[in-house]
Amino acid sequence: MRDALYVGDSETDVLAAHNAGLDSIFLRREHSADVTLSVEPTAEMPNLRALVERVTE
């Protein structure tokens, strides 16, 4: 079985991951550039391309 990773671009996504006990990646896109989250994601990425590059290193 592989590890799960929750990827999203809203605070709701990070909260859902936290509540499910999963690692979360917050995509800090243009529309979320200035968002302050109430819960800390496992990591932040600027886009999906950066995420793919990181997980395939």
PDB file of N, CA and C in Angstrom:
ATOM      1  N   MET A   1       0.844  -1.192   0.000  1.00  0.00           N
ATOM      2  CA  MET A   1       0.000   0.000   0.000  1.00  0.00           C
ATOM      3  C   MET A   1       0.876   1.238   0.000  1.00  0.00           C
ATOM      4  N   ARG A   2       0.503   2.253  -0.748  1.00  0.00           N
ATOM      5  CA  ARG A   2       1.266   3.502  -0.828  1.00  0.00           C
ATOM      6  C   ARG A   2       0.743   4.508   0.184  1.00  0.00           C
ATOM      7  N   ASP A   3       1.595   5.447   0.525  1.00  0.00           N
ATOM      8  CA  ASP A   3       1.184   6.533   1.403  1.00  0.00           C
ATOM      9  C   ASP A   3       0.247   7.473   0.649  1.00  0.00           C
ATOM     10  N   ALA A   4      -0.670   8.078   1.384  1.00  0.00           N
ATOM     11  CA  ALA A   4      -1.610   9.017   0.777  1.00  0.00           C
ATOM     12  C   ALA A   4      -1.123  10.447   0.996  1.00  0.00           C
ATOM     13  N   LEU A   5      -1.481  11.309   0.069  1.00  0.00           N
ATOM     14  CA  LEU A   5      -1.119  12.716   0.126  1.00  0.00           C
ATOM     15  C   LEU A   5      -2.314  13.509  -0.382  1.00  0.00           C
ATOM     16  N   TYR A   6      -2.756  14.460   0.408  1.00  0.00           N
ATOM     17  CA  TYR A   6      -3.910  15.281   0.029  1.00  0.00           C
ATOM     18  C   TYR A   6      -3.382  16.588  -0.544  1.00  0.00           C
ATOM     19  N   VAL A   7      -3.754  16.903  -1.770  1.00  0.00           N
ATOM     20  CA  VAL A   7      -3.298  18.107  -2.456  1.00  0.00           C
ATOM     21  C   VAL A   7      -4.486  19.004  -2.716  1.00  0.00           C
ATOM     22  N   GLY A   8      -4.342  20.274  -2.363  1.00  0.00           N
ATOM     23  CA  GLY A   8      -5.430  21.208  -2.613  1.00  0.00           C
ATOM     24  C   GLY A   8      -4.971  22.643  -2.560  1.00  0.00           C
ATOM     25  N   ASP A   9      -5.878  23.550  -2.933  1.00  0.00           N
ATOM     26  CA  ASP A   9      -5.521  24.964  -2.972  1.00  0.00           C
ATOM     27  C   ASP A   9      -6.431  25.833  -2.103  1.00  0.00           C
ATOM     28  N   SER A  10      -7.034  25.198  -1.094  1.00  0.00           N
ATOM     29  CA  SER A  10      -7.866  25.969  -0.166  1.00  0.00           C
ATOM     30  C   SER A  10      -7.620  25.487   1.264  1.00  0.00           C
ATOM     31  N   GLU A  11      -7.991  26.318   2.208  1.00  0.00           N
ATOM     32  CA  GLU A  11      -7.847  25.936   3.611  1.00  0.00           C
ATOM     33  C   GLU A  11      -8.698  24.707   3.921  1.00  0.00           C
ATOM     34  N   THR A  12      -9.852  24.613   3.274  1.00  0.00           N
ATOM     35  CA  THR A  12     -10.718  23.450   3.471  1.00  0.00           C
ATOM     36  C   THR A  12      -9.995  22.162   3.112  1.00  0.00           C
ATOM     37  N   ASP A  13      -9.197  22.192   2.065  1.00  0.00           N
ATOM     38  CA  ASP A  13      -8.426  21.012   1.671  1.00  0.00           C
ATOM     39  C   ASP A  13      -7.414  20.635   2.736  1.00  0.00           C
ATOM     40  N   VAL A  14      -6.713  21.614   3.273  1.00  0.00           N
ATOM     41  CA  VAL A  14      -5.707  21.346   4.312  1.00  0.00           C
ATOM     42  C   VAL A  14      -6.388  20.811   5.568  1.00  0.00           C
ATOM     43  N   LEU A  15      -7.527  21.380   5.924  1.00  0.00           N
ATOM     44  CA  LEU A  15      -8.273  20.902   7.090  1.00  0.00           C
ATOM     45  C   LEU A  15      -8.774  19.471   6.885  1.00  0.00           C
ATOM     46  N   ALA A  16      -9.251  19.159   5.687  1.00  0.00           N
ATOM     47  CA  ALA A  16      -9.719  17.803   5.395  1.00  0.00           C
ATOM     48  C   ALA A  16      -8.581  16.808   5.540  1.00  0.00           C
ATOM     49  N   ALA A  17      -7.405  17.160   5.029  1.00  0.00           N
ATOM     50  CA  ALA A  17      -6.242  16.285   5.162  1.00  0.00           C
ATOM     51  C   ALA A  17      -5.888  16.096   6.626  1.00  0.00           C
ATOM     52  N   HIS A  18      -5.861  17.181   7.369  1.00  0.00           N
ATOM     53  CA  HIS A  18      -5.537  17.122   8.797  1.00  0.00           C
ATOM     54  C   HIS A  18      -6.526  16.218   9.536  1.00  0.00           C
ATOM     55  N   ASN A  19      -7.815  16.400   9.265  1.00  0.00           N
ATOM     56  CA  ASN A  19      -8.850  15.602   9.925  1.00  0.00           C
ATOM     57  C   ASN A  19      -8.782  14.122   9.556  1.00  0.00           C
ATOM     58  N   ALA A  20      -8.280  13.829   8.355  1.00  0.00           N
ATOM     59  CA  ALA A  20      -8.160  12.436   7.909  1.00  0.00           C
ATOM     60  C   ALA A  20      -6.819  11.816   8.307  1.00  0.00           C
ATOM     61  N   GLY A  21      -5.948  12.620   8.928  1.00  0.00           N
ATOM     62  CA  GLY A  21      -4.642  12.111   9.330  1.00  0.00           C
ATOM     63  C   GLY A  21      -3.678  11.944   8.173  1.00  0.00           C
ATOM     64  N   LEU A  22      -3.864  12.740   7.120  1.00  0.00           N
ATOM     65  CA  LEU A  22      -3.015  12.656   5.935  1.00  0.00           C
ATOM     66  C   LEU A  22      -2.059  13.842   5.846  1.00  0.00           C
ATOM     67  N   ASP A  23      -0.939  13.629   5.168  1.00  0.00           N
ATOM     68  CA  ASP A  23      -0.059  14.741   4.830  1.00  0.00           C
ATOM     69  C   ASP A  23      -0.775  15.603   3.797  1.00  0.00           C
ATOM     70  N   SER A  24      -0.517  16.922   3.858  1.00  0.00           N
ATOM     71  CA  SER A  24      -1.191  17.834   2.935  1.00  0.00           C
ATOM     72  C   SER A  24      -0.186  18.702   2.198  1.00  0.00           C
ATOM     73  N   ILE A  25      -0.500  18.963   0.948  1.00  0.00           N
ATOM     74  CA  ILE A  25       0.252  19.907   0.135  1.00  0.00           C
ATOM     75  C   ILE A  25      -0.705  21.036  -0.222  1.00  0.00           C
ATOM     76  N   PHE A  26      -0.339  22.240   0.167  1.00  0.00           N
ATOM     77  CA  PHE A  26      -1.140  23.414  -0.170  1.00  0.00           C
ATOM     78  C   PHE A  26      -0.553  24.036  -1.422  1.00  0.00           C
ATOM     79  N   LEU A  27      -1.360  24.111  -2.480  1.00  0.00           N
ATOM     80  CA  LEU A  27      -0.921  24.750  -3.718  1.00  0.00           C
ATOM     81  C   LEU A  27      -1.192  26.239  -3.592  1.00  0.00           C
ATOM     82  N   ARG A  28      -0.131  27.007  -3.443  1.00  0.00           N
ATOM     83  CA  ARG A  28      -0.271  28.455  -3.272  1.00  0.00           C
ATOM     84  C   ARG A  28      -0.257  29.103  -4.653  1.00  0.00           C
ATOM     85  N   ARG A  29      -1.424  29.077  -5.269  1.00  0.00           N
ATOM     86  CA  ARG A  29      -1.609  29.645  -6.604  1.00  0.00           C
ATOM     87  C   ARG A  29      -1.919  31.134  -6.504  1.00  0.00           C
ATOM     88  N   GLU A  30      -2.109  31.771  -7.656  1.00  0.00           N
ATOM     89  CA  GLU A  30      -2.389  33.212  -7.685  1.00  0.00           C
ATOM     90  C   GLU A  30      -3.536  33.601  -6.773  1.00  0.00           C
ATOM     91  N   HIS A  31      -4.640  32.862  -6.836  1.00  0.00           N
ATOM     92  CA  HIS A  31      -5.826  33.229  -6.056  1.00  0.00           C
ATOM     93  C   HIS A  31      -5.655  32.962  -4.556  1.00  0.00           C
ATOM     94  N   SER A  32      -4.612  32.235  -4.188  1.00  0.00           N
ATOM     95  CA  SER A  32      -4.399  31.945  -2.760  1.00  0.00           C
ATOM     96  C   SER A  32      -3.059  32.484  -2.261  1.00  0.00           C
ATOM     97  N   ALA A  33      -2.474  33.396  -3.019  1.00  0.00           N
ATOM     98  CA  ALA A  33      -1.141  33.915  -2.683  1.00  0.00           C
ATOM     99  C   ALA A  33      -1.105  34.589  -1.316  1.00  0.00           C
ATOM    100  N   ASP A  34      -2.160  35.269  -0.946  1.00  0.00           N
ATOM    101  CA  ASP A  34      -2.181  36.018   0.309  1.00  0.00           C
ATOM    102  C   ASP A  34      -2.993  35.357   1.415  1.00  0.00           C
ATOM    103  N   VAL A  35      -3.403  34.115   1.216  1.00  0.00           N
ATOM    104  CA  VAL A  35      -4.228  33.404   2.190  1.00  0.00           C
ATOM    105  C   VAL A  35      -3.401  33.045   3.424  1.00  0.00           C
ATOM    106  N   THR A  36      -3.968  33.320   4.596  1.00  0.00           N
ATOM    107  CA  THR A  36      -3.377  32.882   5.854  1.00  0.00           C
ATOM    108  C   THR A  36      -4.181  31.680   6.336  1.00  0.00           C
ATOM    109  N   LEU A  37      -3.503  30.557   6.488  1.00  0.00           N
ATOM    110  CA  LEU A  37      -4.178  29.325   6.886  1.00  0.00           C
ATOM    111  C   LEU A  37      -4.238  29.203   8.402  1.00  0.00           C
ATOM    112  N   SER A  38      -5.314  28.620   8.900  1.00  0.00           N
ATOM    113  CA  SER A  38      -5.441  28.392  10.346  1.00  0.00           C
ATOM    114  C   SER A  38      -4.836  27.060  10.763  1.00  0.00           C
ATOM    115  N   VAL A  39      -4.452  26.245   9.782  1.00  0.00           N
ATOM    116  CA  VAL A  39      -3.807  24.957  10.040  1.00  0.00           C
ATOM    117  C   VAL A  39      -2.591  24.857   9.117  1.00  0.00           C
ATOM    118  N   GLU A  40      -1.526  24.297   9.618  1.00  0.00           N
ATOM    119  CA  GLU A  40      -0.272  24.214   8.872  1.00  0.00           C
ATOM    120  C   GLU A  40      -0.266  23.007   7.934  1.00  0.00           C
ATOM    121  N   PRO A  41      -0.062  23.230   6.620  1.00  0.00           N
ATOM    122  CA  PRO A  41       0.062  22.099   5.717  1.00  0.00           C
ATOM    123  C   PRO A  41       1.428  21.432   5.891  1.00  0.00           C
ATOM    124  N   THR A  42       1.559  20.212   5.416  1.00  0.00           N
ATOM    125  CA  THR A  42       2.840  19.526   5.471  1.00  0.00           C
ATOM    126  C   THR A  42       3.866  20.274   4.636  1.00  0.00           C
ATOM    127  N   ALA A  43       3.426  20.786   3.486  1.00  0.00           N
ATOM    128  CA  ALA A  43       4.301  21.557   2.600  1.00  0.00           C
ATOM    129  C   ALA A  43       3.456  22.458   1.721  1.00  0.00           C
ATOM    130  N   GLU A  44       4.109  23.439   1.127  1.00  0.00           N
ATOM    131  CA  GLU A  44       3.458  24.325   0.161  1.00  0.00           C
ATOM    132  C   GLU A  44       4.208  24.231  -1.154  1.00  0.00           C
ATOM    133  N   MET A  45       3.468  24.290  -2.240  1.00  0.00           N
ATOM    134  CA  MET A  45       4.033  24.255  -3.583  1.00  0.00           C
ATOM    135  C   MET A  45       3.353  25.344  -4.406  1.00  0.00           C
ATOM    136  N   PRO A  46       4.061  25.911  -5.380  1.00  0.00           N
ATOM    137  CA  PRO A  46       3.441  26.950  -6.206  1.00  0.00           C
ATOM    138  C   PRO A  46       2.496  26.396  -7.271  1.00  0.00           C
ATOM    139  N   ASN A  47       2.681  25.114  -7.641  1.00  0.00           N
ATOM    140  CA  ASN A  47       1.851  24.513  -8.685  1.00  0.00           C
ATOM    141  C   ASN A  47       2.054  22.999  -8.698  1.00  0.00           C
ATOM    142  N   LEU A  48       1.282  22.309  -9.509  1.00  0.00           N
ATOM    143  CA  LEU A  48       1.373  20.853  -9.580  1.00  0.00           C
ATOM    144  C   LEU A  48       2.682  20.391 -10.201  1.00  0.00           C
ATOM    145  N   ARG A  49       3.229  21.149 -11.124  1.00  0.00           N
ATOM    146  CA  ARG A  49       4.503  20.785 -11.741  1.00  0.00           C
ATOM    147  C   ARG A  49       5.600  20.693 -10.682  1.00  0.00           C
ATOM    148  N   ALA A  50       5.645  21.659  -9.770  1.00  0.00           N
ATOM    149  CA  ALA A  50       6.643  21.645  -8.696  1.00  0.00           C
ATOM    150  C   ALA A  50       6.439  20.438  -7.788  1.00  0.00           C
ATOM    151  N   LEU A  51       5.199  20.072  -7.557  1.00  0.00           N
ATOM    152  CA  LEU A  51       4.909  18.901  -6.729  1.00  0.00           C
ATOM    153  C   LEU A  51       5.410  17.626  -7.396  1.00  0.00           C
ATOM    154  N   VAL A  52       5.127  17.469  -8.675  1.00  0.00           N
ATOM    155  CA  VAL A  52       5.576  16.291  -9.401  1.00  0.00           C
ATOM    156  C   VAL A  52       7.102  16.197  -9.377  1.00  0.00           C
ATOM    157  N   GLU A  53       7.763  17.311  -9.596  1.00  0.00           N
ATOM    158  CA  GLU A  53       9.230  17.322  -9.573  1.00  0.00           C
ATOM    159  C   GLU A  53       9.752  16.891  -8.200  1.00  0.00           C
ATOM    160  N   ARG A  54       9.097  17.342  -7.152  1.00  0.00           N
ATOM    161  CA  ARG A  54       9.554  17.006  -5.792  1.00  0.00           C
ATOM    162  C   ARG A  54       9.351  15.541  -5.472  1.00  0.00           C
ATOM    163  N   VAL A  55       8.223  14.978  -5.824  1.00  0.00           N
ATOM    164  CA  VAL A  55       7.951  13.588  -5.460  1.00  0.00           C
ATOM    165  C   VAL A  55       8.653  12.585  -6.366  1.00  0.00           C
ATOM    166  N   THR A  56       9.163  13.038  -7.507  1.00  0.00           N
ATOM    167  CA  THR A  56       9.862  12.122  -8.399  1.00  0.00           C
ATOM    168  C   THR A  56      11.374  12.292  -8.335  1.00  0.00           C
ATOM    169  N   GLU A  57      11.867  13.056  -7.401  1.00  0.00           N
ATOM    170  CA  GLU A  57      13.322  13.251  -7.242  1.00  0.00           C
ATOM    171  C   GLU A  57      13.989  11.971  -6.830  1.00  0.00           C
TER     172      GLU A  57
END
